Amino acid sequence: MFAGQYLGIALGGGGAMFVNGRFGFEAALAGVAALLLLSLLFVVVFVRDPQADATLQRQAGVLGRLYHSMVSFVREVYASFWQSGSGPKIGVAFALLPIVAHGLFFGMANIAISTGNYWQGLVAESMGYSVVLYLDALFAVLVILVIPFLRDREDAPAMEPVTAEPLLASE
């Protein structure tokens, strides 16, 4: 039952790696493509559908009808989705927002990194790399020292402790 699967794994996996090592990637890719084509041809030529009626006549214009049905489907989807109000448009906008935010974040991060690299390169060329490392450490320490003073703790609302009542009343 699994003989075809094991043969495919052997030829498509190990056989392709063997050909890749001997003749290169292009030959291995061509070999795998040829094996897939042979598999497809075997199914098309030798496998018969027992319930297919051999007396059916071929119909002309099948591709044209298929094309027209696909075009009408796309038109119907367009009309029902994009022209049915603002709901689908808002849904698409909310679906795209995380992608846009992600892209903007990386764009801003690249600008920050490029700016940092620029001034670090200028300082390193004029004063040496050790000065750049000392300045980086100084900036990091200054940021850490400023953090406690960013918010006035005296004006903050007092947090009252949350007390939970027991779920079951004890007797």
N, C-alpha and C. Protein backbone atom coordinates (compact mmCIF):
# COMPACT_ATOMS: atom_id res chain seq x y z
N MET A 1 0.81 -1.18 0.00
CA MET A 1 0.00 0.00 0.00
C MET A 1 0.86 1.27 0.00
N PHE A 2 1.93 1.26 0.78
CA PHE A 2 2.78 2.44 0.87
C PHE A 2 4.02 2.34 -0.01
N ALA A 3 4.06 1.39 -0.92
CA ALA A 3 5.25 1.20 -1.75
C ALA A 3 5.51 2.42 -2.62
N GLY A 4 4.45 3.00 -3.19
CA GLY A 4 4.62 4.19 -4.02
C GLY A 4 5.13 5.37 -3.22
N GLN A 5 4.63 5.49 -1.99
CA GLN A 5 5.09 6.59 -1.14
C GLN A 5 6.57 6.41 -0.80
N TYR A 6 6.97 5.21 -0.43
CA TYR A 6 8.37 4.97 -0.08
C TYR A 6 9.28 5.16 -1.29
N LEU A 7 8.82 4.74 -2.46
CA LEU A 7 9.61 4.94 -3.67
C LEU A 7 9.74 6.43 -3.98
N GLY A 8 8.66 7.19 -3.81
CA GLY A 8 8.72 8.63 -4.03
C GLY A 8 9.64 9.33 -3.04
N ILE A 9 9.61 8.90 -1.78
CA ILE A 9 10.50 9.49 -0.78
C ILE A 9 11.95 9.18 -1.12
N ALA A 10 12.21 7.95 -1.54
CA ALA A 10 13.59 7.57 -1.87
C ALA A 10 14.11 8.32 -3.08
N LEU A 11 13.29 8.38 -4.13
CA LEU A 11 13.74 9.05 -5.35
C LEU A 11 13.72 10.57 -5.22
N GLY A 12 12.67 11.11 -4.63
CA GLY A 12 12.55 12.55 -4.51
C GLY A 12 13.39 13.14 -3.41
N GLY A 13 13.72 12.36 -2.40
CA GLY A 13 14.53 12.86 -1.29
C GLY A 13 16.00 12.50 -1.44
N GLY A 14 16.30 11.24 -1.15
CA GLY A 14 17.69 10.79 -1.22
C GLY A 14 18.24 10.80 -2.63
N GLY A 15 17.41 10.41 -3.59
CA GLY A 15 17.87 10.41 -4.98
C GLY A 15 18.18 11.82 -5.46
N ALA A 16 17.34 12.79 -5.08
CA ALA A 16 17.59 14.17 -5.47
C ALA A 16 18.86 14.71 -4.82
N MET A 17 19.11 14.33 -3.58
CA MET A 17 20.34 14.80 -2.92
C MET A 17 21.57 14.16 -3.55
N PHE A 18 21.46 12.90 -3.97
CA PHE A 18 22.56 12.24 -4.65
C PHE A 18 22.87 12.96 -5.97
N VAL A 19 21.82 13.24 -6.75
CA VAL A 19 22.01 13.94 -8.02
C VAL A 19 22.54 15.35 -7.77
N ASN A 20 22.07 16.00 -6.72
CA ASN A 20 22.55 17.34 -6.38
C ASN A 20 24.05 17.32 -6.08
N GLY A 21 24.50 16.32 -5.35
CA GLY A 21 25.93 16.22 -5.03
C GLY A 21 26.78 15.91 -6.24
N ARG A 22 26.27 15.11 -7.16
CA ARG A 22 27.05 14.70 -8.32
C ARG A 22 27.00 15.70 -9.48
N PHE A 23 25.81 16.25 -9.75
CA PHE A 23 25.63 17.04 -10.97
C PHE A 23 25.17 18.48 -10.71
N GLY A 24 24.84 18.82 -9.48
CA GLY A 24 24.43 20.18 -9.16
C GLY A 24 22.93 20.31 -8.94
N PHE A 25 22.56 21.49 -8.45
CA PHE A 25 21.17 21.74 -8.08
C PHE A 25 20.23 21.73 -9.28
N GLU A 26 20.68 22.28 -10.40
CA GLU A 26 19.81 22.34 -11.57
C GLU A 26 19.43 20.95 -12.04
N ALA A 27 20.38 20.02 -12.03
CA ALA A 27 20.09 18.65 -12.45
C ALA A 27 19.13 17.98 -11.46
N ALA A 28 19.32 18.24 -10.16
CA ALA A 28 18.42 17.66 -9.17
C ALA A 28 17.01 18.21 -9.33
N LEU A 29 16.90 19.51 -9.58
CA LEU A 29 15.59 20.12 -9.78
C LEU A 29 14.92 19.56 -11.02
N ALA A 30 15.68 19.38 -12.10
CA ALA A 30 15.12 18.80 -13.32
C ALA A 30 14.70 17.35 -13.08
N GLY A 31 15.48 16.62 -12.30
CA GLY A 31 15.13 15.23 -12.00
C GLY A 31 13.85 15.13 -11.20
N VAL A 32 13.69 15.98 -10.19
CA VAL A 32 12.46 15.96 -9.39
C VAL A 32 11.28 16.37 -10.25
N ALA A 33 11.46 17.35 -11.12
CA ALA A 33 10.37 17.77 -12.02
C ALA A 33 10.00 16.62 -12.96
N ALA A 34 10.98 15.89 -13.46
CA ALA A 34 10.70 14.76 -14.35
C ALA A 34 9.95 13.66 -13.60
N LEU A 35 10.33 13.40 -12.35
CA LEU A 35 9.61 12.39 -11.55
C LEU A 35 8.17 12.81 -11.31
N LEU A 36 7.94 14.08 -11.04
CA LEU A 36 6.57 14.56 -10.85
C LEU A 36 5.76 14.44 -12.14
N LEU A 37 6.40 14.74 -13.27
CA LEU A 37 5.72 14.60 -14.55
C LEU A 37 5.38 13.14 -14.85
N LEU A 38 6.30 12.23 -14.55
CA LEU A 38 6.02 10.80 -14.74
C LEU A 38 4.87 10.34 -13.87
N SER A 39 4.83 10.83 -12.64
CA SER A 39 3.74 10.47 -11.74
C SER A 39 2.40 10.98 -12.28
N LEU A 40 2.39 12.21 -12.76
CA LEU A 40 1.17 12.77 -13.33
C LEU A 40 0.74 12.00 -14.57
N LEU A 41 1.69 11.68 -15.45
CA LEU A 41 1.35 10.93 -16.67
C LEU A 41 0.82 9.54 -16.33
N PHE A 42 1.38 8.90 -15.33
CA PHE A 42 0.90 7.58 -14.92
C PHE A 42 -0.56 7.66 -14.49
N VAL A 43 -0.90 8.67 -13.71
CA VAL A 43 -2.28 8.81 -13.26
C VAL A 43 -3.20 9.13 -14.43
N VAL A 44 -2.77 10.02 -15.31
CA VAL A 44 -3.63 10.42 -16.42
C VAL A 44 -3.85 9.28 -17.40
N VAL A 45 -2.80 8.50 -17.68
CA VAL A 45 -2.90 7.46 -18.72
C VAL A 45 -3.50 6.16 -18.19
N PHE A 46 -3.08 5.72 -17.01
CA PHE A 46 -3.45 4.37 -16.57
C PHE A 46 -4.61 4.31 -15.57
N VAL A 47 -4.87 5.35 -14.84
CA VAL A 47 -5.93 5.30 -13.85
C VAL A 47 -7.24 5.68 -14.53
N ARG A 48 -8.21 4.80 -14.46
CA ARG A 48 -9.51 5.02 -15.06
C ARG A 48 -10.57 5.17 -13.97
N ASP A 49 -11.53 6.04 -14.26
CA ASP A 49 -12.65 6.22 -13.35
C ASP A 49 -13.73 5.22 -13.74
N PRO A 50 -14.05 4.28 -12.85
CA PRO A 50 -15.02 3.25 -13.24
C PRO A 50 -16.43 3.81 -13.44
N GLN A 51 -16.75 4.95 -12.87
CA GLN A 51 -18.09 5.49 -13.02
C GLN A 51 -18.20 6.51 -14.14
N ALA A 52 -17.09 6.74 -14.86
CA ALA A 52 -17.14 7.68 -15.98
C ALA A 52 -17.86 7.03 -17.16
N ASP A 53 -18.72 7.77 -17.80
CA ASP A 53 -19.50 7.26 -18.93
C ASP A 53 -18.71 7.51 -20.21
N ALA A 54 -18.30 6.46 -20.88
CA ALA A 54 -17.49 6.58 -22.10
C ALA A 54 -18.31 7.04 -23.29
N THR A 55 -19.64 7.00 -23.19
CA THR A 55 -20.47 7.38 -24.33
C THR A 55 -20.80 8.88 -24.36
N LEU A 56 -20.34 9.64 -23.38
CA LEU A 56 -20.62 11.07 -23.35
C LEU A 56 -19.89 11.78 -24.48
N GLN A 57 -20.55 12.74 -25.06
CA GLN A 57 -19.96 13.53 -26.13
C GLN A 57 -19.18 14.69 -25.54
N ARG A 58 -18.09 15.03 -26.22
CA ARG A 58 -17.31 16.19 -25.80
C ARG A 58 -18.08 17.45 -26.13
N GLN A 59 -17.97 18.42 -25.26
CA GLN A 59 -18.68 19.67 -25.46
C GLN A 59 -17.71 20.73 -25.95
N ALA A 60 -18.15 21.52 -26.89
CA ALA A 60 -17.31 22.59 -27.42
C ALA A 60 -17.49 23.84 -26.57
N GLY A 61 -16.43 24.64 -26.47
CA GLY A 61 -16.50 25.91 -25.76
C GLY A 61 -16.45 25.81 -24.26
N VAL A 62 -15.89 24.73 -23.73
CA VAL A 62 -15.84 24.56 -22.28
C VAL A 62 -14.96 25.64 -21.64
N LEU A 63 -13.81 25.91 -22.25
CA LEU A 63 -12.91 26.92 -21.67
C LEU A 63 -13.54 28.31 -21.70
N GLY A 64 -14.27 28.62 -22.77
CA GLY A 64 -14.95 29.91 -22.84
C GLY A 64 -16.00 30.07 -21.76
N ARG A 65 -16.80 29.02 -21.55
CA ARG A 65 -17.81 29.07 -20.49
C ARG A 65 -17.16 29.16 -19.11
N LEU A 66 -16.04 28.44 -18.93
CA LEU A 66 -15.33 28.51 -17.65
C LEU A 66 -14.81 29.92 -17.41
N TYR A 67 -14.25 30.53 -18.45
CA TYR A 67 -13.74 31.89 -18.34
C TYR A 67 -14.87 32.86 -17.99
N HIS A 68 -15.99 32.77 -18.67
CA HIS A 68 -17.10 33.69 -18.42
C HIS A 68 -17.69 33.48 -17.03
N SER A 69 -17.75 32.25 -16.57
CA SER A 69 -18.28 32.02 -15.22
C SER A 69 -17.32 32.57 -14.16
N MET A 70 -16.02 32.48 -14.40
CA MET A 70 -15.06 33.03 -13.44
C MET A 70 -15.11 34.56 -13.43
N VAL A 71 -15.26 35.17 -14.60
CA VAL A 71 -15.36 36.63 -14.68
C VAL A 71 -16.62 37.11 -13.98
N SER A 72 -17.75 36.41 -14.20
CA SER A 72 -18.99 36.82 -13.53
C SER A 72 -18.88 36.62 -12.02
N PHE A 73 -18.16 35.60 -11.57
CA PHE A 73 -17.96 35.40 -10.14
C PHE A 73 -17.16 36.55 -9.54
N VAL A 74 -16.09 36.96 -10.22
CA VAL A 74 -15.27 38.06 -9.71
C VAL A 74 -16.08 39.34 -9.67
N ARG A 75 -16.90 39.59 -10.68
CA ARG A 75 -17.75 40.79 -10.69
C ARG A 75 -18.75 40.76 -9.55
N GLU A 76 -19.33 39.61 -9.31
CA GLU A 76 -20.31 39.48 -8.22
C GLU A 76 -19.65 39.68 -6.86
N VAL A 77 -18.46 39.12 -6.68
CA VAL A 77 -17.74 39.31 -5.42
C VAL A 77 -17.38 40.77 -5.23
N TYR A 78 -16.94 41.42 -6.30
CA TYR A 78 -16.60 42.84 -6.20
C TYR A 78 -17.83 43.66 -5.82
N ALA A 79 -18.94 43.41 -6.50
CA ALA A 79 -20.16 44.18 -6.21
C ALA A 79 -20.68 43.91 -4.80
N SER A 80 -20.64 42.66 -4.36
CA SER A 80 -21.19 42.35 -3.04
C SER A 80 -20.26 42.76 -1.92
N PHE A 81 -18.98 42.87 -2.18
CA PHE A 81 -18.05 43.21 -1.09
C PHE A 81 -17.77 44.70 -1.06
N TRP A 82 -17.27 45.25 -2.14
CA TRP A 82 -16.81 46.65 -2.13
C TRP A 82 -17.93 47.65 -2.30
N GLN A 83 -19.04 47.25 -2.91
CA GLN A 83 -20.11 48.20 -3.15
C GLN A 83 -21.30 48.01 -2.21
N SER A 84 -21.10 47.31 -1.11
CA SER A 84 -22.20 47.04 -0.19
C SER A 84 -22.17 47.95 1.03
N GLY A 85 -21.42 49.01 1.00
CA GLY A 85 -21.39 49.93 2.13
C GLY A 85 -19.99 50.08 2.69
N SER A 86 -19.93 50.73 3.83
CA SER A 86 -18.61 51.03 4.41
C SER A 86 -18.09 49.90 5.29
N GLY A 87 -18.91 48.95 5.65
CA GLY A 87 -18.48 47.86 6.55
C GLY A 87 -17.29 47.07 6.04
N PRO A 88 -17.36 46.55 4.81
CA PRO A 88 -16.21 45.79 4.31
C PRO A 88 -14.95 46.64 4.18
N LYS A 89 -15.10 47.91 3.80
CA LYS A 89 -13.93 48.78 3.68
C LYS A 89 -13.28 49.01 5.04
N ILE A 90 -14.10 49.21 6.06
CA ILE A 90 -13.56 49.39 7.42
C ILE A 90 -12.89 48.10 7.88
N GLY A 91 -13.50 46.96 7.55
CA GLY A 91 -12.90 45.67 7.91
C GLY A 91 -11.54 45.48 7.27
N VAL A 92 -11.42 45.83 6.01
CA VAL A 92 -10.13 45.71 5.32
C VAL A 92 -9.12 46.68 5.92
N ALA A 93 -9.58 47.90 6.25
CA ALA A 93 -8.67 48.87 6.86
C ALA A 93 -8.14 48.37 8.19
N PHE A 94 -9.03 47.80 9.02
CA PHE A 94 -8.57 47.28 10.30
C PHE A 94 -7.68 46.05 10.13
N ALA A 95 -7.90 45.30 9.07
CA ALA A 95 -7.03 44.15 8.80
C ALA A 95 -5.64 44.60 8.38
N LEU A 96 -5.56 45.75 7.68
CA LEU A 96 -4.27 46.24 7.20
C LEU A 96 -3.54 47.09 8.23
N LEU A 97 -4.24 47.60 9.25
CA LEU A 97 -3.60 48.48 10.24
C LEU A 97 -2.38 47.85 10.92
N PRO A 98 -2.45 46.60 11.39
CA PRO A 98 -1.24 46.04 12.03
C PRO A 98 -0.06 45.95 11.08
N ILE A 99 -0.34 45.66 9.81
CA ILE A 99 0.75 45.56 8.84
C ILE A 99 1.39 46.92 8.63
N VAL A 100 0.55 47.95 8.51
CA VAL A 100 1.06 49.31 8.31
C VAL A 100 1.84 49.76 9.54
N ALA A 101 1.29 49.49 10.73
CA ALA A 101 1.97 49.88 11.96
C ALA A 101 3.31 49.17 12.08
N HIS A 102 3.33 47.90 11.70
CA HIS A 102 4.58 47.13 11.75
C HIS A 102 5.61 47.75 10.81
N GLY A 103 5.18 48.08 9.61
CA GLY A 103 6.09 48.69 8.64
C GLY A 103 6.59 50.04 9.10
N LEU A 104 5.70 50.87 9.68
CA LEU A 104 6.13 52.17 10.19
C LEU A 104 7.11 52.01 11.35
N PHE A 105 6.87 51.03 12.22
CA PHE A 105 7.79 50.81 13.33
C PHE A 105 9.19 50.48 12.82
N PHE A 106 9.27 49.58 11.86
CA PHE A 106 10.59 49.22 11.36
C PHE A 106 11.24 50.36 10.58
N GLY A 107 10.41 51.16 9.91
CA GLY A 107 10.96 52.33 9.23
C GLY A 107 11.56 53.32 10.22
N MET A 108 10.83 53.60 11.30
CA MET A 108 11.34 54.52 12.32
C MET A 108 12.56 53.92 13.03
N ALA A 109 12.53 52.63 13.26
CA ALA A 109 13.67 51.99 13.89
C ALA A 109 14.91 52.09 13.00
N ASN A 110 14.73 51.94 11.70
CA ASN A 110 15.86 52.08 10.78
C ASN A 110 16.42 53.49 10.80
N ILE A 111 15.51 54.49 10.88
CA ILE A 111 15.98 55.87 10.95
C ILE A 111 16.77 56.10 12.24
N ALA A 112 16.27 55.58 13.37
CA ALA A 112 16.97 55.76 14.64
C ALA A 112 18.33 55.05 14.62
N ILE A 113 18.37 53.86 14.08
CA ILE A 113 19.63 53.12 14.03
C ILE A 113 20.61 53.82 13.09
N SER A 114 20.11 54.30 11.94
CA SER A 114 21.00 55.00 11.01
C SER A 114 21.56 56.27 11.62
N THR A 115 20.72 57.02 12.34
CA THR A 115 21.18 58.25 12.99
C THR A 115 22.23 57.92 14.06
N GLY A 116 21.94 56.89 14.85
CA GLY A 116 22.92 56.49 15.87
C GLY A 116 24.23 56.03 15.26
N ASN A 117 24.14 55.25 14.21
CA ASN A 117 25.36 54.80 13.55
C ASN A 117 26.15 55.96 12.95
N TYR A 118 25.43 56.96 12.45
CA TYR A 118 26.09 58.11 11.84
C TYR A 118 26.93 58.87 12.87
N TRP A 119 26.31 59.24 14.00
CA TRP A 119 27.09 60.01 14.98
C TRP A 119 28.15 59.16 15.64
N GLN A 120 27.87 57.86 15.82
CA GLN A 120 28.90 57.00 16.39
C GLN A 120 30.08 56.87 15.45
N GLY A 121 29.81 56.81 14.15
CA GLY A 121 30.91 56.75 13.19
C GLY A 121 31.74 58.02 13.20
N LEU A 122 31.06 59.18 13.29
CA LEU A 122 31.81 60.44 13.35
C LEU A 122 32.69 60.52 14.58
N VAL A 123 32.13 60.15 15.73
CA VAL A 123 32.90 60.20 16.98
C VAL A 123 34.03 59.18 16.94
N ALA A 124 33.75 57.98 16.42
CA ALA A 124 34.79 56.95 16.38
C ALA A 124 35.94 57.35 15.47
N GLU A 125 35.65 58.01 14.36
CA GLU A 125 36.73 58.44 13.46
C GLU A 125 37.55 59.57 14.05
N SER A 126 36.89 60.46 14.79
CA SER A 126 37.64 61.61 15.31
C SER A 126 38.27 61.35 16.67
N MET A 127 37.62 60.55 17.54
CA MET A 127 38.12 60.38 18.90
C MET A 127 38.48 58.94 19.26
N GLY A 128 38.07 57.98 18.47
CA GLY A 128 38.38 56.58 18.77
C GLY A 128 37.14 55.81 19.22
N TYR A 129 37.24 54.50 19.10
CA TYR A 129 36.09 53.65 19.42
C TYR A 129 35.82 53.59 20.92
N SER A 130 36.83 53.72 21.75
CA SER A 130 36.59 53.66 23.19
C SER A 130 35.72 54.82 23.65
N VAL A 131 35.89 55.99 23.04
CA VAL A 131 35.06 57.14 23.41
C VAL A 131 33.60 56.87 23.05
N VAL A 132 33.36 56.22 21.91
CA VAL A 132 32.00 55.88 21.52
C VAL A 132 31.38 54.94 22.55
N LEU A 133 32.13 53.94 22.98
CA LEU A 133 31.60 53.01 23.97
C LEU A 133 31.31 53.71 25.28
N TYR A 134 32.19 54.61 25.72
CA TYR A 134 31.94 55.37 26.95
C TYR A 134 30.72 56.27 26.81
N LEU A 135 30.55 56.92 25.66
CA LEU A 135 29.38 57.77 25.45
C LEU A 135 28.09 56.93 25.43
N ASP A 136 28.12 55.76 24.80
CA ASP A 136 26.95 54.89 24.81
C ASP A 136 26.58 54.49 26.24
N ALA A 137 27.57 54.13 27.03
CA ALA A 137 27.31 53.76 28.42
C ALA A 137 26.79 54.95 29.21
N LEU A 138 27.34 56.15 28.96
CA LEU A 138 26.89 57.35 29.66
C LEU A 138 25.43 57.65 29.33
N PHE A 139 25.06 57.57 28.04
CA PHE A 139 23.67 57.82 27.66
C PHE A 139 22.73 56.81 28.29
N ALA A 140 23.12 55.55 28.33
CA ALA A 140 22.28 54.52 28.94
C ALA A 140 22.09 54.79 30.42
N VAL A 141 23.17 55.15 31.12
CA VAL A 141 23.07 55.43 32.56
C VAL A 141 22.20 56.66 32.80
N LEU A 142 22.34 57.70 31.97
CA LEU A 142 21.52 58.90 32.13
C LEU A 142 20.03 58.59 31.95
N VAL A 143 19.70 57.78 30.97
CA VAL A 143 18.31 57.39 30.75
C VAL A 143 17.79 56.63 31.95
N ILE A 144 18.57 55.71 32.46
CA ILE A 144 18.14 54.92 33.62
C ILE A 144 17.98 55.82 34.85
N LEU A 145 18.84 56.81 35.02
CA LEU A 145 18.73 57.71 36.17
C LEU A 145 17.54 58.67 36.05
N VAL A 146 17.11 58.99 34.85
CA VAL A 146 16.01 59.93 34.65
C VAL A 146 14.65 59.23 34.81
N ILE A 147 14.58 57.95 34.61
CA ILE A 147 13.31 57.23 34.62
C ILE A 147 12.51 57.46 35.90
N PRO A 148 13.09 57.41 37.10
CA PRO A 148 12.26 57.62 38.30
C PRO A 148 11.64 59.00 38.39
N PHE A 149 12.19 59.99 37.71
CA PHE A 149 11.69 61.36 37.81
C PHE A 149 10.72 61.73 36.69
N LEU A 150 10.35 60.81 35.85
CA LEU A 150 9.48 61.13 34.73
C LEU A 150 8.04 61.38 35.16
N ARG A 151 7.61 60.84 36.28
CA ARG A 151 6.25 61.01 36.73
C ARG A 151 6.26 61.45 38.18
N ASP A 152 5.45 62.44 38.47
CA ASP A 152 5.37 62.90 39.84
C ASP A 152 4.55 61.90 40.64
N ARG A 153 5.17 61.27 41.59
CA ARG A 153 4.50 60.23 42.36
C ARG A 153 3.57 60.79 43.42
N GLU A 154 3.73 62.05 43.80
CA GLU A 154 2.89 62.64 44.83
C GLU A 154 1.48 62.89 44.31
N ASP A 155 1.33 63.24 43.03
CA ASP A 155 0.02 63.56 42.48
C ASP A 155 -0.73 62.34 41.97
N ALA A 156 -0.11 61.21 42.04
CA ALA A 156 -0.74 60.00 41.53
C ALA A 156 -1.89 59.60 42.46
N PRO A 157 -2.99 59.11 41.89
CA PRO A 157 -4.10 58.68 42.76
C PRO A 157 -3.68 57.48 43.59
N ALA A 158 -4.17 57.50 44.83
CA ALA A 158 -3.82 56.39 45.73
C ALA A 158 -4.55 55.14 45.30
N MET A 159 -3.83 54.06 45.28
CA MET A 159 -4.42 52.77 44.90
C MET A 159 -4.92 52.10 46.16
N GLU A 160 -6.18 51.78 46.17
CA GLU A 160 -6.73 51.08 47.31
C GLU A 160 -6.60 49.59 47.07
N PRO A 161 -6.29 48.85 48.12
CA PRO A 161 -6.17 47.41 47.93
C PRO A 161 -7.51 46.79 47.58
N VAL A 162 -7.46 45.82 46.72
CA VAL A 162 -8.67 45.11 46.30
C VAL A 162 -8.88 43.94 47.24
N THR A 163 -10.07 43.89 47.81
CA THR A 163 -10.38 42.77 48.68
C THR A 163 -11.48 41.93 48.04
N ALA A 164 -11.31 40.67 48.09
CA ALA A 164 -12.29 39.76 47.50
C ALA A 164 -13.08 39.09 48.60
N GLU A 165 -14.35 38.96 48.37
CA GLU A 165 -15.17 38.27 49.34
C GLU A 165 -15.12 36.79 49.03
N PRO A 166 -15.24 35.98 50.05
CA PRO A 166 -15.20 34.53 49.82
C PRO A 166 -16.38 34.10 48.98
N LEU A 167 -16.13 33.09 48.12
CA LEU A 167 -17.18 32.59 47.26
C LEU A 167 -18.24 31.82 48.05
N LEU A 168 -17.77 31.03 48.99
CA LEU A 168 -18.69 30.24 49.80
C LEU A 168 -18.71 30.79 51.21
N ALA A 169 -19.86 31.02 51.71
CA ALA A 169 -19.97 31.54 53.09
C ALA A 169 -19.67 30.40 54.06
N SER A 170 -18.76 30.67 54.94
CA SER A 170 -18.42 29.64 55.93
C SER A 170 -19.45 29.68 57.05
N GLU A 171 -19.71 28.53 57.64
CA GLU A 171 -20.74 28.47 58.69
C GLU A 171 -20.15 28.45 60.05
